[in-house]
Protein backbone atom coordinates (compact mmCIF):
# COMPACT_ATOMS: atom_id res chain seq x y z
CA MET A 1 11.96 -5.74 2.85
CA PRO A 2 11.88 -8.61 5.21
CA ASN A 3 10.64 -11.95 3.59
CA LEU A 4 8.50 -14.95 4.43
CA GLU A 5 10.58 -18.25 4.74
CA PHE A 6 8.98 -21.70 4.42
CA LYS A 7 10.07 -24.99 3.74
CA GLY A 8 9.67 -25.94 0.11
CA LYS A 9 9.64 -22.60 -1.06
CA TYR A 10 13.32 -23.03 -3.16
CA HIS A 11 11.56 -25.30 -5.15
CA ILE A 12 7.79 -23.67 -6.00
CA TYR A 13 9.92 -20.41 -5.85
CA SER A 14 9.15 -20.34 -10.07
CA HIS A 15 6.91 -23.21 -10.46
CA HIS A 16 4.20 -20.95 -11.91
CA LEU A 17 6.54 -20.21 -15.03
CA THR A 18 7.40 -24.16 -15.70
CA VAL A 19 3.50 -25.05 -15.66
CA PRO A 20 2.73 -26.36 -19.30
CA TYR A 21 -0.22 -24.35 -20.84
CA ARG A 22 -3.14 -26.78 -21.37
CA PRO A 23 -6.15 -25.83 -23.35
CA LEU A 24 -9.74 -25.43 -21.85
CA ILE A 25 -12.09 -27.45 -23.45
CA SER A 26 -16.00 -26.38 -23.57
CA ASN A 27 -18.79 -28.76 -22.82
CA LEU A 28 -19.28 -28.53 -26.54
CA GLU A 29 -15.97 -29.95 -27.32
CA ARG A 30 -14.33 -26.48 -28.80
CA SER A 31 -11.40 -25.18 -27.06
CA LEU A 32 -11.77 -21.94 -25.65
CA ASP A 33 -9.74 -20.50 -28.81
CA ASP A 34 -12.33 -21.47 -31.17
CA ARG A 35 -15.17 -19.79 -29.37
CA GLY A 36 -16.28 -16.83 -28.38
CA VAL A 37 -13.99 -15.52 -24.87
CA ASN A 38 -16.70 -12.77 -23.56
CA ASP A 39 -18.98 -15.50 -22.15
CA ASN A 40 -19.59 -15.94 -18.16
CA PHE A 41 -17.71 -19.79 -17.58
CA ILE A 42 -17.15 -22.13 -15.06
CA ILE A 43 -13.86 -24.22 -15.51
CA HIS A 44 -13.93 -27.89 -13.60
CA GLY A 45 -10.17 -28.69 -13.23
CA ASP A 46 -7.09 -27.38 -10.89
CA ASN A 47 -7.10 -23.61 -10.67
CA LEU A 48 -3.37 -23.77 -11.18
CA HIS A 49 -3.75 -25.53 -14.72
CA ALA A 50 -6.92 -23.33 -15.29
CA LEU A 51 -4.90 -20.35 -14.12
CA LYS A 52 -2.29 -21.15 -16.42
CA ALA A 53 -4.52 -21.35 -19.20
CA LEU A 54 -6.25 -18.52 -18.92
CA LEU A 55 -3.39 -16.12 -19.32
CA PRO A 56 -2.86 -16.07 -23.31
CA GLN A 57 -6.43 -14.55 -23.56
CA TYR A 58 -7.02 -12.68 -20.12
CA SER A 59 -3.40 -11.50 -19.11
CA GLY A 60 -3.58 -7.85 -17.61
CA ARG A 61 -7.76 -8.05 -18.23
CA ILE A 62 -8.85 -9.14 -15.06
CA LYS A 63 -10.37 -6.06 -13.08
CA CYS A 64 -11.31 -7.91 -10.02
CA ILE A 65 -10.13 -11.22 -8.11
CA TYR A 66 -12.03 -12.81 -5.34
CA ILE A 67 -10.67 -16.25 -3.66
CA ASP A 68 -11.67 -18.02 -0.97
CA PRO A 69 -8.82 -20.10 -0.47
CA PRO A 70 -8.84 -23.13 1.98
CA TYR A 71 -8.17 -21.48 5.65
CA ASN A 72 -6.07 -24.64 6.76
CA THR A 73 -7.71 -25.24 10.18
CA GLY A 74 -6.36 -29.00 9.73
CA LYS A 75 -10.09 -29.96 9.35
CA GLU A 76 -10.54 -29.48 5.67
CA GLY A 77 -8.07 -32.27 4.75
CA TRP A 78 -6.78 -30.79 1.37
CA VAL A 79 -3.65 -32.12 -0.68
CA TYR A 80 -1.16 -30.27 -2.65
CA ASN A 81 -0.98 -32.02 -5.87
CA ASP A 82 0.83 -29.85 -8.23
CA CYS A 83 3.83 -31.68 -10.06
CA VAL A 84 6.53 -30.15 -8.22
CA ASN A 85 10.03 -31.75 -10.04
CA SER A 86 11.31 -32.64 -7.05
CA PRO A 87 11.11 -36.18 -5.45
CA LEU A 88 11.58 -34.82 -2.14
CA MET A 89 8.65 -32.29 -2.21
CA GLN A 90 6.72 -35.03 -4.13
CA ALA A 91 6.94 -37.30 -1.32
CA TRP A 92 6.76 -34.64 0.93
CA LEU A 93 3.35 -33.42 0.06
CA GLU A 94 1.34 -36.60 -0.97
CA THR A 95 -0.63 -37.19 1.97
CA ALA A 96 -3.57 -34.82 3.08
CA VAL A 97 -3.09 -31.89 5.26
CA ASP A 98 -4.76 -32.19 8.82
CA ARG A 99 -4.51 -30.81 12.11
CA GLU A 100 -1.77 -33.06 13.45
CA ASP A 101 0.86 -31.97 10.23
CA LEU A 102 2.82 -29.83 11.70
CA GLU A 103 4.45 -28.42 8.44
CA ARG A 104 0.45 -27.77 7.42
CA HIS A 105 1.72 -24.33 7.35
CA ASP A 106 4.64 -24.44 4.68
CA LYS A 107 2.33 -27.15 2.29
CA TRP A 108 -0.03 -24.33 2.42
CA LEU A 109 2.16 -21.58 1.22
CA CYS A 110 3.55 -23.82 -1.03
CA MET A 111 0.18 -24.29 -2.55
CA MET A 112 -0.50 -20.65 -2.48
CA TRP A 113 2.59 -19.34 -3.92
CA PRO A 114 2.05 -19.63 -7.71
CA ARG A 115 -1.30 -19.64 -8.04
CA LEU A 116 -1.19 -15.88 -6.39
CA GLN A 117 1.89 -15.12 -9.12
CA LEU A 118 -0.49 -16.38 -12.07
CA LEU A 119 -3.37 -14.33 -10.76
CA LYS A 120 -0.94 -11.34 -10.25
CA GLU A 121 -0.32 -11.34 -14.13
CA LEU A 122 -4.06 -12.24 -14.82
CA LEU A 123 -4.91 -8.41 -13.05
CA SER A 124 -5.46 -5.46 -14.78
CA GLU A 125 -3.34 -2.38 -14.05
CA ASP A 126 -6.13 -0.86 -12.35
CA GLY A 127 -7.28 -4.29 -11.11
CA ALA A 128 -7.76 -5.72 -6.95
CA ILE A 129 -7.04 -8.97 -5.73
CA PHE A 130 -9.54 -9.74 -2.52
CA VAL A 131 -8.59 -12.71 -0.36
CA SER A 132 -10.68 -14.31 2.40
CA ILE A 133 -8.76 -15.45 5.39
CA ASP A 134 -8.91 -16.14 9.11
CA ASP A 135 -6.32 -16.24 12.00
CA HIS A 136 -4.85 -19.47 10.79
CA GLU A 137 -2.77 -18.19 7.66
CA GLN A 138 -3.28 -14.70 7.72
CA HIS A 139 -0.17 -13.30 8.69
CA HIS A 140 1.45 -15.87 6.44
CA LEU A 141 -0.55 -14.64 3.76
CA ARG A 142 0.07 -10.56 4.38
CA MET A 143 3.85 -11.51 4.28
CA VAL A 144 3.75 -13.66 1.30
CA MET A 145 1.19 -11.18 -0.81
CA ASP A 146 3.66 -8.08 -0.06
CA GLU A 147 6.33 -10.12 -1.42
CA ILE A 148 4.10 -11.05 -4.35
CA PHE A 149 2.59 -7.84 -5.29
CA GLY A 150 4.70 -5.55 -3.67
CA LYS A 151 4.15 -4.14 0.31
CA GLU A 152 3.59 -1.11 -1.48
CA ASN A 153 -0.03 -2.20 -2.99
CA PHE A 154 -1.30 -3.39 0.25
CA VAL A 155 -4.37 -1.33 0.52
CA SER A 156 -6.49 -2.96 3.36
CA ASN A 157 -6.92 -5.32 6.03
CA ILE A 158 -10.83 -5.58 6.13
CA ILE A 159 -12.81 -7.39 8.75
CA TRP A 160 -15.79 -8.86 7.68
CA GLN A 161 -18.40 -9.81 10.77
CA LYS A 162 -19.18 -13.56 9.76
CA LYS A 163 -21.66 -14.16 12.75
CA TYR A 164 -24.83 -12.66 14.35
CA SER A 165 -24.87 -14.04 17.64
CA PRO A 166 -21.68 -14.89 20.33
CA GLN A 167 -20.48 -18.45 21.02
CA ASN A 168 -20.72 -19.07 24.55
CA ASP A 169 -18.85 -22.24 24.76
CA ALA A 170 -15.74 -20.79 23.10
CA LYS A 171 -12.63 -21.36 25.40
CA TYR A 172 -11.31 -18.39 25.23
CA PHE A 173 -13.31 -15.69 22.99
CA SER A 174 -16.03 -16.20 20.63
CA ASP A 175 -14.57 -15.82 16.90
CA ASN A 176 -16.95 -13.70 14.93
CA HIS A 177 -14.76 -12.73 12.38
CA ASP A 178 -12.99 -13.21 9.05
CA PHE A 179 -10.38 -11.20 7.39
CA ILE A 180 -10.29 -9.82 3.90
CA LEU A 181 -7.15 -8.74 2.28
CA CYS A 182 -6.81 -5.93 -0.31
CA TYR A 183 -4.17 -5.93 -2.88
CA ALA A 184 -3.86 -3.50 -5.81
CA LEU A 185 -1.87 -4.76 -8.58
CA ASN A 186 -1.06 -0.87 -8.79
CA LYS A 187 -2.07 1.22 -5.90
CA GLN A 188 -0.47 4.24 -7.81
CA VAL A 189 -3.85 3.59 -10.19
CA TRP A 190 -6.38 1.76 -8.84
CA ARG A 191 -8.95 3.71 -6.62
CA PRO A 192 -12.05 2.20 -4.86
CA ILE A 193 -15.35 2.95 -6.12
CA PRO A 194 -17.54 4.68 -3.76
CA LEU A 195 -20.29 2.72 -2.27
CA PRO A 196 -23.90 4.30 -2.90
CA ARG A 197 -25.25 6.58 0.24
CA THR A 198 -27.86 4.59 2.07
CA LYS A 199 -31.54 5.26 2.67
CA VAL A 200 -30.64 5.36 6.55
CA GLN A 201 -27.79 7.79 5.75
CA ASN A 202 -30.07 10.22 3.57
CA GLN A 203 -32.94 10.25 5.88
CA ARG A 204 -30.82 12.08 8.74
CA TYR A 205 -31.18 15.14 6.43
CA LYS A 206 -34.57 17.34 6.98
CA ASN A 207 -35.64 20.67 5.98
CA PRO A 208 -37.60 22.26 8.92
CA ASP A 209 -37.14 25.60 7.23
CA ASN A 210 -38.65 24.81 4.01
CA ASP A 211 -34.94 25.62 2.60
CA LYS A 212 -35.22 25.55 -1.30
CA ARG A 213 -31.78 23.96 -1.65
CA GLY A 214 -33.47 20.76 -0.02
CA PRO A 215 -32.90 18.45 2.95
CA TRP A 216 -30.10 19.50 5.28
CA LYS A 217 -28.53 18.49 8.62
CA SER A 218 -26.92 20.90 10.88
CA SER A 219 -23.09 20.61 12.31
CA GLY A 220 -21.31 22.12 15.37
CA LEU A 221 -19.61 25.73 14.57
CA ASP A 222 -17.74 25.26 17.86
CA VAL A 223 -14.44 23.90 17.29
CA LYS A 224 -11.56 22.79 19.97
CA THR A 225 -8.74 23.71 18.22
CA TYR A 226 -8.67 27.78 20.02
CA LEU A 227 -7.76 31.00 18.43
CA ALA A 228 -8.73 34.43 20.12
CA LYS A 229 -10.19 36.07 17.14
CA TYR A 230 -12.48 33.40 16.75
CA ASP A 231 -13.72 33.64 19.88
CA TYR A 232 -16.75 36.40 19.96
CA PRO A 233 -20.21 36.66 21.04
CA ILE A 234 -23.52 36.02 18.55
CA THR A 235 -26.70 37.38 19.07
CA THR A 236 -29.55 34.93 18.15
CA PRO A 237 -32.57 36.30 16.18
CA SER A 238 -34.57 36.16 19.58
CA GLY A 239 -31.92 38.80 20.96
CA ARG A 240 -30.06 35.77 23.33
CA GLU A 241 -26.35 36.58 23.29
CA VAL A 242 -24.68 33.21 23.25
CA HIS A 243 -20.20 32.48 23.18
CA PRO A 244 -18.38 29.33 22.28
CA PRO A 245 -18.18 26.71 25.52
CA SER A 246 -15.32 27.18 27.39
CA GLY A 247 -12.03 26.88 25.68
CA ARG A 248 -13.00 26.41 22.73
CA CYS A 249 -13.67 29.09 19.78
CA TRP A 250 -16.27 29.18 16.95
CA ARG A 251 -14.93 27.82 13.19
CA CYS A 252 -14.94 30.93 11.35
CA SER A 253 -14.35 34.56 11.36
CA LYS A 254 -17.05 36.89 12.27
CA GLU A 255 -16.76 38.09 8.79
CA ARG A 256 -17.67 34.71 7.48
CA PHE A 257 -19.91 33.85 10.16
CA ASP A 258 -22.06 36.86 8.99
CA LYS A 259 -22.15 36.13 5.22
CA LEU A 260 -23.38 32.29 6.12
CA VAL A 261 -26.23 33.97 8.01
CA LYS A 262 -26.85 35.98 5.20
CA GLU A 263 -26.87 32.81 2.71
CA ASN A 264 -29.23 31.17 5.26
CA ARG A 265 -26.60 28.71 6.44
CA ILE A 266 -26.62 28.78 10.06
CA TRP A 267 -29.43 27.54 12.15
CA PHE A 268 -30.80 29.07 15.08
CA GLY A 269 -33.56 26.48 15.72
CA LYS A 270 -36.78 27.20 15.19
CA GLU A 271 -37.60 29.28 17.90
CA GLY A 272 -34.16 31.29 16.59
CA SER A 273 -32.94 31.09 20.64
CA ASN A 274 -30.62 27.78 19.85
CA VAL A 275 -27.18 28.04 19.47
CA PRO A 276 -26.08 28.56 15.91
CA SER A 277 -25.21 25.63 13.92
CA ILE A 278 -24.02 25.27 10.08
CA LYS A 279 -26.62 23.92 7.81
CA ARG A 280 -24.90 20.79 5.33
CA PHE A 281 -27.05 20.24 2.57
CA LEU A 282 -27.67 17.25 0.95
CA CYS A 283 -27.05 18.37 -2.64
CA ASP A 284 -23.47 19.54 -1.19
CA VAL A 285 -22.26 16.03 0.28
CA LYS A 286 -20.57 13.35 -2.13
CA GLN A 287 -22.63 11.51 -3.36
CA GLY A 288 -20.70 7.48 -2.47
CA ILE A 289 -19.30 7.03 0.88
CA THR A 290 -15.34 6.16 1.12
CA PRO A 291 -15.51 2.09 1.68
CA LEU A 292 -14.51 1.66 5.70
CA THR A 293 -12.27 -1.37 6.72
CA CYS A 294 -14.86 -2.88 9.02
CA TRP A 295 -17.88 -4.66 7.57
CA PRO A 296 -20.88 -5.56 9.83
CA TYR A 297 -23.54 -8.20 9.45
CA SER A 298 -26.30 -5.99 8.74
CA GLU A 299 -24.88 -4.58 5.78
CA VAL A 300 -22.94 -7.44 4.05
CA GLY A 301 -24.64 -10.51 5.57
CA HIS A 302 -23.59 -13.59 8.03
CA THR A 303 -22.45 -17.07 7.20
CA GLN A 304 -26.08 -18.02 8.42
CA ARG A 305 -27.61 -15.83 5.73
CA GLY A 306 -25.76 -17.60 3.49
CA THR A 307 -26.48 -21.01 3.99
CA GLN A 308 -30.49 -19.78 4.06
CA GLY A 309 -29.68 -18.60 0.29
CA LEU A 310 -28.70 -21.50 -0.94
CA LYS A 311 -31.33 -23.77 0.23
CA GLN A 312 -33.94 -21.40 -1.19
CA ILE A 313 -32.81 -22.43 -4.63
CA GLY A 314 -32.07 -26.18 -3.35
CA ILE A 315 -28.33 -26.14 -3.53
CA PRO A 316 -26.76 -27.72 -0.51
CA PHE A 317 -23.59 -26.40 0.81
CA ALA A 318 -21.62 -25.84 3.87
CA ASN A 319 -20.72 -22.42 5.08
CA PRO A 320 -21.30 -20.27 1.65
CA LYS A 321 -20.34 -16.63 1.85
CA PRO A 322 -23.25 -14.69 1.39
CA ILE A 323 -23.95 -13.15 -1.96
CA THR A 324 -23.95 -9.67 -0.07
CA LEU A 325 -20.70 -9.47 1.15
CA ILE A 326 -19.05 -10.28 -2.58
CA GLU A 327 -21.63 -7.64 -3.93
CA ARG A 328 -19.54 -5.04 -1.48
CA ILE A 329 -16.56 -6.04 -3.17
CA LEU A 330 -18.12 -6.14 -6.48
CA ARG A 331 -19.31 -2.45 -5.89
CA ILE A 332 -15.82 -1.53 -4.86
CA ALA A 333 -13.81 -2.91 -7.22
CA THR A 334 -15.45 -3.16 -10.64
CA GLY A 335 -17.54 -0.92 -13.16
CA PRO A 336 -20.33 -2.05 -15.45
CA ASN A 337 -18.35 -3.96 -17.77
CA ASP A 338 -15.51 -5.23 -16.10
CA ILE A 339 -14.05 -9.10 -15.59
CA VAL A 340 -14.52 -10.93 -12.36
CA LEU A 341 -12.46 -13.89 -11.73
CA ASP A 342 -13.05 -16.43 -8.61
CA SER A 343 -10.69 -19.56 -8.70
CA PHE A 344 -11.92 -21.27 -5.85
CA ALA A 345 -15.57 -21.12 -7.09
CA GLY A 346 -17.08 -23.53 -3.78
CA SER A 347 -20.64 -23.21 -4.65
CA GLY A 348 -20.73 -20.23 -6.77
CA THR A 349 -21.25 -17.03 -4.59
CA THR A 350 -19.12 -15.01 -6.93
CA ALA A 351 -21.25 -15.75 -10.01
CA HIS A 352 -24.48 -15.35 -8.17
CA ALA A 353 -23.53 -11.83 -7.14
CA VAL A 354 -22.31 -10.81 -10.35
CA LEU A 355 -25.39 -11.58 -11.69
CA ALA A 356 -27.21 -9.91 -9.13
CA LEU A 357 -25.31 -6.59 -9.66
CA ASN A 358 -25.93 -7.00 -13.13
CA ARG A 359 -29.51 -6.76 -12.89
CA GLU A 360 -29.54 -3.57 -10.23
CA ASP A 361 -27.42 -1.41 -12.36
CA GLY A 362 -27.82 -2.92 -15.88
CA GLY A 363 -24.06 -3.62 -15.78
CA ASN A 364 -22.77 -6.30 -18.12
CA ARG A 365 -20.04 -7.44 -15.82
CA LYS A 366 -18.59 -11.32 -16.85
CA PHE A 367 -17.29 -14.12 -14.30
CA ILE A 368 -14.71 -16.41 -14.47
CA LEU A 369 -14.91 -19.19 -12.13
CA VAL A 370 -12.86 -22.13 -11.26
CA GLU A 371 -13.57 -25.11 -9.07
CA CYS A 372 -11.45 -28.34 -9.01
CA GLU A 373 -14.00 -30.90 -6.80
CA ASP A 374 -16.12 -33.11 -8.28
CA TYR A 375 -19.32 -30.81 -7.39
CA ALA A 376 -18.25 -28.17 -9.77
CA ALA A 377 -20.98 -29.64 -12.42
CA ASP A 378 -23.52 -30.38 -9.62
CA ILE A 379 -23.16 -27.55 -7.32
CA THR A 380 -21.56 -24.45 -8.77
CA ALA A 381 -22.76 -24.37 -12.17
CA GLU A 382 -25.85 -25.85 -11.16
CA ARG A 383 -26.92 -22.55 -9.12
CA VAL A 384 -25.38 -20.48 -12.06
CA LYS A 385 -28.47 -22.13 -14.11
CA ARG A 386 -30.59 -22.08 -11.48
CA VAL A 387 -30.22 -18.10 -11.21
CA ILE A 388 -30.08 -17.48 -14.52
CA GLN A 389 -33.08 -19.59 -15.58
CA GLY A 390 -35.39 -18.59 -12.52
CA VAL A 391 -35.71 -20.42 -9.13
CA PRO A 392 -38.83 -19.98 -7.08
CA ASN A 393 -37.77 -17.33 -4.90
CA ALA A 394 -39.00 -14.47 -6.35
CA LYS A 395 -35.86 -12.41 -5.34
CA ASP A 396 -33.59 -14.84 -6.90
CA LYS A 397 -35.87 -15.09 -10.02
CA ALA A 398 -35.99 -11.28 -10.32
CA LEU A 399 -32.00 -11.40 -10.54
CA ALA A 400 -32.26 -14.14 -12.89
CA GLU A 401 -34.19 -12.47 -15.57
CA GLY A 402 -32.14 -9.33 -15.29
CA THR A 403 -29.52 -8.31 -17.66
CA GLY A 404 -25.79 -8.34 -18.00
CA GLY A 405 -24.62 -11.78 -19.73
CA GLY A 406 -27.06 -14.26 -18.26
CA THR A 407 -25.64 -17.52 -20.11
CA HIS A 408 -22.52 -19.47 -18.96
CA THR A 409 -20.38 -22.42 -20.47
CA SER A 410 -18.67 -25.28 -18.52
CA LEU A 411 -15.03 -25.97 -19.19
CA SER A 412 -12.58 -28.37 -18.01
CA VAL A 413 -8.65 -28.29 -18.14
CA SER A 414 -7.34 -30.75 -20.99
CA PRO A 415 -5.27 -33.49 -19.24
């Protein structure tokens, strides 16, 4: 399998192994080993050291990982600050990465490589990782994750429609989507959980003939793969004779069709003169939807909805993900008692989504967040606190008062 080569890879290839273990200190001045490990908690500190500190307690236990790393557009001004024991690397990486840095992609990959290695160690055998990204690094990230997680464990490149209106001032195309790469630790073991059927989908089923089996919808009886023995005339209850369209045939034999008629599984219309169709009953339909690879904003929200949601609880933050987007991931990848990890926590959307989904299904999912920026306490933890304690917005207050591990502890990485 071809691998991606980038400047600095030699120096950071095994860096995750040399990162020292450091204790996590709680806001109650107790180490993680001295307290329970089953609470929700938020870690303030470098996520590389935090991930290494989590290994003793959480290796192979995290069911779902979601991360939203810097997209490396050249506007973030992030700095690679890992202590790589190489003077050349230290000199190369000491300045902030911006749009003018021609090696910013190499530096971004140097930053992501050891973190992805540690995240892999934390995943459970039946777990999966989801990574938000855009066009700046999507192609690089795909190759790096192929190498770390294995190409055979690639699940999907999900497209999220993040905007609901076009940008008419765009120079070339109006960018209205981001990607979410999904990899399983072991694709042979991991399976997505079917999504619940929506009211709109169920409303397509009616019961115009009061069938005792309940609502149904009709499905065409003809198919395009032609077989002469399936090309026969059918006489409707009104006496009308019908044939399949030219070049097509019925989907079943005459004997099978007669059996379906006796079972009242064929619909000829209210007047009994329509071309026959098959009745598909809602009770026979799989009670779950296989996830699609395209997620429209009408289903999972857009960036503006994410911003509006934070304003409602009084938290300022630029371009947060909507909780409905993360909820979609959690529905697909977690059960009611699983642990969720987000090591680029930002405003804390992942924690908010965990609490919301627990409220909805009575689950007891736990979250672990890691945020290195100074706003970890004032924004990330504060958001979680407000959602747990109740906020003015009625919907969020309902979420906050739900079940599923409302408490959380703030931690920091020991220097």
